[in-house]
């Protein structure tokens, strides 16, 4: 089970790296924010897999803190974004 969890964590890291390579090329703030969200989500997944594989349940708390920080970063982006130039979405 240990090697499976570590393999799954490695797979998640590889998928996040591929996704970040694509998203970071985006020109706008929203594209970069999506990259940060992807990094946060992948980091949470890797931490949870690592904590289960090694029976380190305190790492779950670190994953929860990372999730909260990710939400705060999204809210900060939305709050500092310039208002829309008009038109209905």
PDB file of N, CA and C in Angstrom:
ATOM      1  N   UNK A   1       0.822  -1.190   0.000  1.00  0.00           N
ATOM      2  CA  UNK A   1       0.000   0.000   0.000  1.00  0.00           C
ATOM      3  C   UNK A   1       0.870   1.260   0.000  1.00  0.00           C
ATOM      4  N   UNK A   2       1.994   1.178   0.703  1.00  0.00           N
ATOM      5  CA  UNK A   2       2.900   2.325   0.791  1.00  0.00           C
ATOM      6  C   UNK A   2       3.405   2.732  -0.588  1.00  0.00           C
ATOM      7  N   UNK A   3       3.865   1.774  -1.361  1.00  0.00           N
ATOM      8  CA  UNK A   3       4.414   2.105  -2.678  1.00  0.00           C
ATOM      9  C   UNK A   3       3.319   2.606  -3.622  1.00  0.00           C
ATOM     10  N   UNK A   4       2.103   2.095  -3.474  1.00  0.00           N
ATOM     11  CA  UNK A   4       0.993   2.579  -4.297  1.00  0.00           C
ATOM     12  C   UNK A   4       0.693   4.040  -3.996  1.00  0.00           C
ATOM     13  N   UNK A   5       0.663   4.398  -2.715  1.00  0.00           N
ATOM     14  CA  UNK A   5       0.372   5.787  -2.334  1.00  0.00           C
ATOM     15  C   UNK A   5       1.468   6.731  -2.825  1.00  0.00           C
ATOM     16  N   UNK A   6       2.709   6.313  -2.700  1.00  0.00           N
ATOM     17  CA  UNK A   6       3.797   7.162  -3.182  1.00  0.00           C
ATOM     18  C   UNK A   6       3.778   7.265  -4.702  1.00  0.00           C
ATOM     19  N   UNK A   7       3.418   6.184  -5.377  1.00  0.00           N
ATOM     20  CA  UNK A   7       3.270   6.234  -6.832  1.00  0.00           C
ATOM     21  C   UNK A   7       2.143   7.162  -7.251  1.00  0.00           C
ATOM     22  N   UNK A   8       1.033   7.114  -6.514  1.00  0.00           N
ATOM     23  CA  UNK A   8      -0.088   8.008  -6.802  1.00  0.00           C
ATOM     24  C   UNK A   8       0.312   9.461  -6.565  1.00  0.00           C
ATOM     25  N   UNK A   9       1.081   9.714  -5.510  1.00  0.00           N
ATOM     26  CA  UNK A   9       1.555  11.073  -5.243  1.00  0.00           C
ATOM     27  C   UNK A   9       2.473  11.554  -6.364  1.00  0.00           C
ATOM     28  N   UNK A  10       3.337  10.678  -6.849  1.00  0.00           N
ATOM     29  CA  UNK A  10       4.205  11.040  -7.976  1.00  0.00           C
ATOM     30  C   UNK A  10       3.411  11.325  -9.232  1.00  0.00           C
ATOM     31  N   UNK A  11       2.366  10.538  -9.469  1.00  0.00           N
ATOM     32  CA  UNK A  11       1.502  10.766 -10.629  1.00  0.00           C
ATOM     33  C   UNK A  11       0.797  12.114 -10.521  1.00  0.00           C
ATOM     34  N   UNK A  12       0.291  12.438  -9.340  1.00  0.00           N
ATOM     35  CA  UNK A  12      -0.370  13.736  -9.139  1.00  0.00           C
ATOM     36  C   UNK A  12       0.618  14.868  -9.379  1.00  0.00           C
ATOM     37  N   UNK A  13       1.836  14.730  -8.889  1.00  0.00           N
ATOM     38  CA  UNK A  13       2.848  15.764  -9.117  1.00  0.00           C
ATOM     39  C   UNK A  13       3.153  15.935 -10.597  1.00  0.00           C
ATOM     40  N   UNK A  14       3.217  14.837 -11.338  1.00  0.00           N
ATOM     41  CA  UNK A  14       3.484  14.925 -12.775  1.00  0.00           C
ATOM     42  C   UNK A  14       2.343  15.616 -13.507  1.00  0.00           C
ATOM     43  N   UNK A  15       1.109  15.289 -13.148  1.00  0.00           N
ATOM     44  CA  UNK A  15      -0.045  15.922 -13.788  1.00  0.00           C
ATOM     45  C   UNK A  15      -0.087  17.411 -13.462  1.00  0.00           C
ATOM     46  N   UNK A  16       0.209  17.769 -12.221  1.00  0.00           N
ATOM     47  CA  UNK A  16       0.230  19.182 -11.835  1.00  0.00           C
ATOM     48  C   UNK A  16       1.324  19.919 -12.597  1.00  0.00           C
ATOM     49  N   UNK A  17       2.481  19.306 -12.754  1.00  0.00           N
ATOM     50  CA  UNK A  17       3.575  19.947 -13.494  1.00  0.00           C
ATOM     51  C   UNK A  17       3.186  20.189 -14.947  1.00  0.00           C
ATOM     52  N   UNK A  18       2.535  19.217 -15.563  1.00  0.00           N
ATOM     53  CA  UNK A  18       2.089  19.403 -16.949  1.00  0.00           C
ATOM     54  C   UNK A  18       1.034  20.497 -17.045  1.00  0.00           C
ATOM     55  N   UNK A  19       0.120  20.516 -16.108  1.00  0.00           N
ATOM     56  CA  UNK A  19      -0.910  21.550 -16.108  1.00  0.00           C
ATOM     57  C   UNK A  19      -0.333  22.934 -15.872  1.00  0.00           C
ATOM     58  N   UNK A  20       0.627  23.033 -14.969  1.00  0.00           N
ATOM     59  CA  UNK A  20       1.243  24.330 -14.693  1.00  0.00           C
ATOM     60  C   UNK A  20       2.032  24.844 -15.887  1.00  0.00           C
ATOM     61  N   UNK A  21       2.673  23.951 -16.599  1.00  0.00           N
ATOM     62  CA  UNK A  21       3.428  24.374 -17.780  1.00  0.00           C
ATOM     63  C   UNK A  21       2.501  25.035 -18.790  1.00  0.00           C
ATOM     64  N   UNK A  22       1.292  24.532 -18.911  1.00  0.00           N
ATOM     65  CA  UNK A  22       0.335  25.110 -19.857  1.00  0.00           C
ATOM     66  C   UNK A  22      -0.291  26.393 -19.321  1.00  0.00           C
ATOM     67  N   UNK A  23      -0.700  26.371 -18.069  1.00  0.00           N
ATOM     68  CA  UNK A  23      -1.441  27.506 -17.522  1.00  0.00           C
ATOM     69  C   UNK A  23      -0.538  28.716 -17.312  1.00  0.00           C
ATOM     70  N   UNK A  24       0.716  28.509 -16.961  1.00  0.00           N
ATOM     71  CA  UNK A  24       1.611  29.640 -16.711  1.00  0.00           C
ATOM     72  C   UNK A  24       1.927  30.431 -17.974  1.00  0.00           C
ATOM     73  N   UNK A  25       1.695  29.845 -19.135  1.00  0.00           N
ATOM     74  CA  UNK A  25       1.929  30.575 -20.379  1.00  0.00           C
ATOM     75  C   UNK A  25       0.802  31.554 -20.679  1.00  0.00           C
ATOM     76  N   UNK A  26      -0.280  31.472 -19.923  1.00  0.00           N
ATOM     77  CA  UNK A  26      -1.416  32.364 -20.149  1.00  0.00           C
ATOM     78  C   UNK A  26      -1.044  33.812 -19.896  1.00  0.00           C
ATOM     79  N   UNK A  27      -1.642  34.727 -20.629  1.00  0.00           N
ATOM     80  CA  UNK A  27      -1.230  36.117 -20.543  1.00  0.00           C
ATOM     81  C   UNK A  27      -1.831  36.891 -19.371  1.00  0.00           C
ATOM     82  N   UNK A  28      -2.939  36.454 -18.828  1.00  0.00           N
ATOM     83  CA  UNK A  28      -3.650  37.285 -17.863  1.00  0.00           C
ATOM     84  C   UNK A  28      -3.474  36.860 -16.418  1.00  0.00           C
ATOM     85  N   UNK A  29      -4.000  37.722 -15.542  1.00  0.00           N
ATOM     86  CA  UNK A  29      -3.954  37.433 -14.112  1.00  0.00           C
ATOM     87  C   UNK A  29      -4.772  36.196 -13.776  1.00  0.00           C
ATOM     88  N   UNK A  30      -5.897  36.046 -14.455  1.00  0.00           N
ATOM     89  CA  UNK A  30      -6.761  34.896 -14.173  1.00  0.00           C
ATOM     90  C   UNK A  30      -6.052  33.588 -14.520  1.00  0.00           C
ATOM     91  N   UNK A  31      -5.284  33.591 -15.600  1.00  0.00           N
ATOM     92  CA  UNK A  31      -4.540  32.382 -15.976  1.00  0.00           C
ATOM     93  C   UNK A  31      -3.501  32.028 -14.918  1.00  0.00           C
ATOM     94  N   UNK A  32      -2.838  33.027 -14.416  1.00  0.00           N
ATOM     95  CA  UNK A  32      -1.836  32.771 -13.382  1.00  0.00           C
ATOM     96  C   UNK A  32      -2.490  32.338 -12.071  1.00  0.00           C
ATOM     97  N   UNK A  33      -3.672  32.888 -11.791  1.00  0.00           N
ATOM     98  CA  UNK A  33      -4.386  32.464 -10.589  1.00  0.00           C
ATOM     99  C   UNK A  33      -4.830  31.011 -10.710  1.00  0.00           C
ATOM    100  N   UNK A  34      -5.232  30.610 -11.914  1.00  0.00           N
ATOM    101  CA  UNK A  34      -5.591  29.207 -12.128  1.00  0.00           C
ATOM    102  C   UNK A  34      -4.378  28.305 -11.902  1.00  0.00           C
ATOM    103  N   UNK A  35      -3.204  28.787 -12.280  1.00  0.00           N
ATOM    104  CA  UNK A  35      -1.983  28.018 -12.035  1.00  0.00           C
ATOM    105  C   UNK A  35      -1.749  27.854 -10.539  1.00  0.00           C
ATOM    106  N   UNK A  36      -1.975  28.900  -9.785  1.00  0.00           N
ATOM    107  CA  UNK A  36      -1.786  28.816  -8.342  1.00  0.00           C
ATOM    108  C   UNK A  36      -2.827  27.900  -7.702  1.00  0.00           C
ATOM    109  N   UNK A  37      -4.055  27.931  -8.205  1.00  0.00           N
ATOM    110  CA  UNK A  37      -5.087  27.025  -7.694  1.00  0.00           C
ATOM    111  C   UNK A  37      -4.729  25.569  -8.001  1.00  0.00           C
ATOM    112  N   UNK A  38      -4.220  25.341  -9.197  1.00  0.00           N
ATOM    113  CA  UNK A  38      -3.808  23.987  -9.571  1.00  0.00           C
ATOM    114  C   UNK A  38      -2.671  23.510  -8.681  1.00  0.00           C
ATOM    115  N   UNK A  39      -1.722  24.383  -8.420  1.00  0.00           N
ATOM    116  CA  UNK A  39      -0.610  24.030  -7.548  1.00  0.00           C
ATOM    117  C   UNK A  39      -1.104  23.734  -6.135  1.00  0.00           C
ATOM    118  N   UNK A  40      -2.024  24.549  -5.648  1.00  0.00           N
ATOM    119  CA  UNK A  40      -2.571  24.320  -4.310  1.00  0.00           C
ATOM    120  C   UNK A  40      -3.330  23.011  -4.209  1.00  0.00           C
ATOM    121  N   UNK A  41      -4.165  22.734  -5.198  1.00  0.00           N
ATOM    122  CA  UNK A  41      -4.943  21.498  -5.190  1.00  0.00           C
ATOM    123  C   UNK A  41      -4.037  20.277  -5.298  1.00  0.00           C
ATOM    124  N   UNK A  42      -3.057  20.348  -6.172  1.00  0.00           N
ATOM    125  CA  UNK A  42      -2.106  19.240  -6.293  1.00  0.00           C
ATOM    126  C   UNK A  42      -1.291  19.055  -5.028  1.00  0.00           C
ATOM    127  N   UNK A  43      -0.903  20.162  -4.418  1.00  0.00           N
ATOM    128  CA  UNK A  43      -0.162  20.078  -3.159  1.00  0.00           C
ATOM    129  C   UNK A  43      -0.975  19.439  -2.053  1.00  0.00           C
ATOM    130  N   UNK A  44      -2.252  19.792  -1.993  1.00  0.00           N
ATOM    131  CA  UNK A  44      -3.134  19.187  -0.997  1.00  0.00           C
ATOM    132  C   UNK A  44      -3.250  17.686  -1.239  1.00  0.00           C
ATOM    133  N   UNK A  45      -3.436  17.302  -2.498  1.00  0.00           N
ATOM    134  CA  UNK A  45      -3.566  15.876  -2.818  1.00  0.00           C
ATOM    135  C   UNK A  45      -2.298  15.109  -2.456  1.00  0.00           C
ATOM    136  N   UNK A  46      -1.148  15.672  -2.776  1.00  0.00           N
ATOM    137  CA  UNK A  46       0.121  14.996  -2.467  1.00  0.00           C
ATOM    138  C   UNK A  46       0.317  14.889  -0.956  1.00  0.00           C
ATOM    139  N   UNK A  47      -0.001  15.955  -0.228  1.00  0.00           N
ATOM    140  CA  UNK A  47       0.139  15.899   1.227  1.00  0.00           C
ATOM    141  C   UNK A  47      -0.777  14.851   1.844  1.00  0.00           C
ATOM    142  N   UNK A  48      -2.006  14.770   1.354  1.00  0.00           N
ATOM    143  CA  UNK A  48      -2.930  13.768   1.896  1.00  0.00           C
ATOM    144  C   UNK A  48      -2.467  12.349   1.578  1.00  0.00           C
ATOM    145  N   UNK A  49      -2.000  12.121   0.353  1.00  0.00           N
ATOM    146  CA  UNK A  49      -1.484  10.792   0.009  1.00  0.00           C
ATOM    147  C   UNK A  49      -0.250  10.445   0.840  1.00  0.00           C
ATOM    148  N   UNK A  50       0.617  11.431   1.029  1.00  0.00           N
ATOM    149  CA  UNK A  50       1.823  11.218   1.831  1.00  0.00           C
ATOM    150  C   UNK A  50       1.467  10.907   3.279  1.00  0.00           C
ATOM    151  N   UNK A  51       0.489  11.624   3.825  1.00  0.00           N
ATOM    152  CA  UNK A  51       0.117  11.397   5.223  1.00  0.00           C
ATOM    153  C   UNK A  51      -0.492  10.018   5.421  1.00  0.00           C
ATOM    154  N   UNK A  52      -1.277   9.558   4.450  1.00  0.00           N
ATOM    155  CA  UNK A  52      -1.861   8.222   4.563  1.00  0.00           C
ATOM    156  C   UNK A  52      -0.776   7.153   4.414  1.00  0.00           C
ATOM    157  N   UNK A  53       0.134   7.357   3.470  1.00  0.00           N
ATOM    158  CA  UNK A  53       1.180   6.357   3.227  1.00  0.00           C
ATOM    159  C   UNK A  53       2.103   6.194   4.427  1.00  0.00           C
ATOM    160  N   UNK A  54       2.380   7.290   5.124  1.00  0.00           N
ATOM    161  CA  UNK A  54       3.332   7.242   6.229  1.00  0.00           C
ATOM    162  C   UNK A  54       2.674   7.284   7.604  1.00  0.00           C
ATOM    163  N   UNK A  55       1.356   7.260   7.650  1.00  0.00           N
ATOM    164  CA  UNK A  55       0.597   7.337   8.910  1.00  0.00           C
ATOM    165  C   UNK A  55       0.987   8.566   9.720  1.00  0.00           C
ATOM    166  N   UNK A  56       1.200   9.666   9.039  1.00  0.00           N
ATOM    167  CA  UNK A  56       1.497  10.944   9.685  1.00  0.00           C
ATOM    168  C   UNK A  56       0.253  11.829   9.576  1.00  0.00           C
ATOM    169  N   UNK A  57      -0.642  11.662  10.518  1.00  0.00           N
ATOM    170  CA  UNK A  57      -1.930  12.330  10.395  1.00  0.00           C
ATOM    171  C   UNK A  57      -1.864  13.822  10.715  1.00  0.00           C
ATOM    172  N   UNK A  58      -0.767  14.298  11.265  1.00  0.00           N
ATOM    173  CA  UNK A  58      -0.601  15.732  11.479  1.00  0.00           C
ATOM    174  C   UNK A  58      -0.424  16.465  10.151  1.00  0.00           C
ATOM    175  N   UNK A  59       0.009  15.756   9.120  1.00  0.00           N
ATOM    176  CA  UNK A  59       0.188  16.374   7.802  1.00  0.00           C
ATOM    177  C   UNK A  59      -1.166  16.755   7.205  1.00  0.00           C
ATOM    178  N   UNK A  60      -2.233  16.104   7.651  1.00  0.00           N
ATOM    179  CA  UNK A  60      -3.575  16.466   7.193  1.00  0.00           C
ATOM    180  C   UNK A  60      -3.880  17.905   7.596  1.00  0.00           C
ATOM    181  N   UNK A  61      -3.432  18.321   8.781  1.00  0.00           N
ATOM    182  CA  UNK A  61      -3.631  19.704   9.211  1.00  0.00           C
ATOM    183  C   UNK A  61      -2.904  20.675   8.290  1.00  0.00           C
ATOM    184  N   UNK A  62      -1.729  20.305   7.846  1.00  0.00           N
ATOM    185  CA  UNK A  62      -0.980  21.148   6.912  1.00  0.00           C
ATOM    186  C   UNK A  62      -1.738  21.269   5.594  1.00  0.00           C
ATOM    187  N   UNK A  63      -2.330  20.176   5.140  1.00  0.00           N
ATOM    188  CA  UNK A  63      -3.115  20.203   3.905  1.00  0.00           C
ATOM    189  C   UNK A  63      -4.336  21.110   4.060  1.00  0.00           C
ATOM    190  N   UNK A  64      -4.971  21.074   5.219  1.00  0.00           N
ATOM    191  CA  UNK A  64      -6.125  21.947   5.453  1.00  0.00           C
ATOM    192  C   UNK A  64      -5.723  23.418   5.468  1.00  0.00           C
ATOM    193  N   UNK A  65      -4.587  23.725   6.061  1.00  0.00           N
ATOM    194  CA  UNK A  65      -4.098  25.111   6.061  1.00  0.00           C
ATOM    195  C   UNK A  65      -3.794  25.561   4.638  1.00  0.00           C
ATOM    196  N   UNK A  66      -3.209  24.690   3.843  1.00  0.00           N
ATOM    197  CA  UNK A  66      -2.934  25.018   2.444  1.00  0.00           C
ATOM    198  C   UNK A  66      -4.229  25.282   1.684  1.00  0.00           C
ATOM    199  N   UNK A  67      -5.277  24.528   1.978  1.00  0.00           N
ATOM    200  CA  UNK A  67      -6.571  24.742   1.328  1.00  0.00           C
ATOM    201  C   UNK A  67      -7.149  26.103   1.698  1.00  0.00           C
ATOM    202  N   UNK A  68      -7.044  26.480   2.963  1.00  0.00           N
ATOM    203  CA  UNK A  68      -7.563  27.779   3.401  1.00  0.00           C
ATOM    204  C   UNK A  68      -6.766  28.912   2.764  1.00  0.00           C
ATOM    205  N   UNK A  69      -5.453  28.777   2.702  1.00  0.00           N
ATOM    206  CA  UNK A  69      -4.635  29.811   2.067  1.00  0.00           C
ATOM    207  C   UNK A  69      -4.960  29.951   0.585  1.00  0.00           C
ATOM    208  N   UNK A  70      -5.270  28.858  -0.058  1.00  0.00           N
ATOM    209  CA  UNK A  70      -5.639  28.892  -1.468  1.00  0.00           C
ATOM    210  C   UNK A  70      -6.933  29.675  -1.672  1.00  0.00           C
ATOM    211  N   UNK A  71      -7.887  29.477  -0.789  1.00  0.00           N
ATOM    212  CA  UNK A  71      -9.147  30.227  -0.874  1.00  0.00           C
ATOM    213  C   UNK A  71      -8.894  31.710  -0.648  1.00  0.00           C
ATOM    214  N   UNK A  72      -8.084  32.049   0.334  1.00  0.00           N
ATOM    215  CA  UNK A  72      -7.780  33.458   0.591  1.00  0.00           C
ATOM    216  C   UNK A  72      -7.092  34.109  -0.601  1.00  0.00           C
ATOM    217  N   UNK A  73      -6.228  33.385  -1.269  1.00  0.00           N
ATOM    218  CA  UNK A  73      -5.558  33.930  -2.450  1.00  0.00           C
ATOM    219  C   UNK A  73      -6.562  34.208  -3.562  1.00  0.00           C
ATOM    220  N   UNK A  74      -7.530  33.338  -3.733  1.00  0.00           N
ATOM    221  CA  UNK A  74      -8.562  33.555  -4.755  1.00  0.00           C
ATOM    222  C   UNK A  74      -9.406  34.776  -4.429  1.00  0.00           C
ATOM    223  N   UNK A  75      -9.784  34.908  -3.175  1.00  0.00           N
ATOM    224  CA  UNK A  75     -10.581  36.062  -2.759  1.00  0.00           C
ATOM    225  C   UNK A  75      -9.785  37.347  -2.945  1.00  0.00           C
ATOM    226  N   UNK A  76      -8.507  37.323  -2.628  1.00  0.00           N
ATOM    227  CA  UNK A  76      -7.674  38.511  -2.805  1.00  0.00           C
ATOM    228  C   UNK A  76      -7.586  38.906  -4.272  1.00  0.00           C
ATOM    229  N   UNK A  77      -7.501  37.937  -5.166  1.00  0.00           N
ATOM    230  CA  UNK A  77      -7.458  38.247  -6.594  1.00  0.00           C
ATOM    231  C   UNK A  77      -8.757  38.894  -7.043  1.00  0.00           C
ATOM    232  N   UNK A  78      -9.873  38.350  -6.603  1.00  0.00           N
ATOM    233  CA  UNK A  78     -11.168  38.894  -7.011  1.00  0.00           C
ATOM    234  C   UNK A  78     -11.364  40.296  -6.449  1.00  0.00           C
ATOM    235  N   UNK A  79     -10.951  40.520  -5.223  1.00  0.00           N
ATOM    236  CA  UNK A  79     -11.133  41.829  -4.601  1.00  0.00           C
ATOM    237  C   UNK A  79     -10.244  42.901  -5.231  1.00  0.00           C
ATOM    238  N   UNK A  80      -9.083  42.536  -5.718  1.00  0.00           N
ATOM    239  CA  UNK A  80      -8.174  43.530  -6.288  1.00  0.00           C
ATOM    240  C   UNK A  80      -8.306  43.660  -7.797  1.00  0.00           C
ATOM    241  N   UNK A  81      -9.159  42.849  -8.401  1.00  0.00           N
ATOM    242  CA  UNK A  81      -9.331  42.913  -9.857  1.00  0.00           C
ATOM    243  C   UNK A  81     -10.050  44.200 -10.234  1.00  0.00           C
ATOM    244  N   UNK A  82      -9.652  44.811 -11.346  1.00  0.00           N
ATOM    245  CA  UNK A  82     -10.350  46.018 -11.786  1.00  0.00           C
ATOM    246  C   UNK A  82     -11.778  45.669 -12.198  1.00  0.00           C
ATOM    247  N   UNK A  83     -12.696  46.624 -12.064  1.00  0.00           N
ATOM    248  CA  UNK A  83     -14.082  46.342 -12.446  1.00  0.00           C
ATOM    249  C   UNK A  83     -14.192  46.048 -13.935  1.00  0.00           C
ATOM    250  N   UNK A  84     -15.209  45.277 -14.268  1.00  0.00           N
ATOM    251  CA  UNK A  84     -15.454  44.912 -15.660  1.00  0.00           C
ATOM    252  C   UNK A  84     -15.774  46.169 -16.456  1.00  0.00           C
ATOM    253  N   UNK A  85     -15.379  46.201 -17.720  1.00  0.00           N
ATOM    254  CA  UNK A  85     -15.548  47.403 -18.536  1.00  0.00           C
ATOM    255  C   UNK A  85     -16.970  47.580 -19.038  1.00  0.00           C
ATOM    256  N   UNK A  86     -17.864  46.721 -18.669  1.00  0.00           N
ATOM    257  CA  UNK A  86     -19.261  46.878 -19.071  1.00  0.00           C
ATOM    258  C   UNK A  86     -19.744  45.692 -19.858  1.00  0.00           C
ATOM    259  N   UNK A  87     -21.037  45.684 -20.101  1.00  0.00           N
ATOM    260  CA  UNK A  87     -21.623  44.587 -20.857  1.00  0.00           C
ATOM    261  C   UNK A  87     -22.052  43.470 -19.945  1.00  0.00           C
ATOM    262  N   UNK A  88     -23.091  42.789 -20.347  1.00  0.00           N
ATOM    263  CA  UNK A  88     -23.588  41.668 -19.562  1.00  0.00           C
ATOM    264  C   UNK A  88     -22.795  40.417 -19.905  1.00  0.00           C
ATOM    265  N   UNK A  89     -22.552  39.630 -18.892  1.00  0.00           N
ATOM    266  CA  UNK A  89     -21.770  38.411 -19.108  1.00  0.00           C
ATOM    267  C   UNK A  89     -22.638  37.263 -19.507  1.00  0.00           C
TER     268      UNK A  89
END
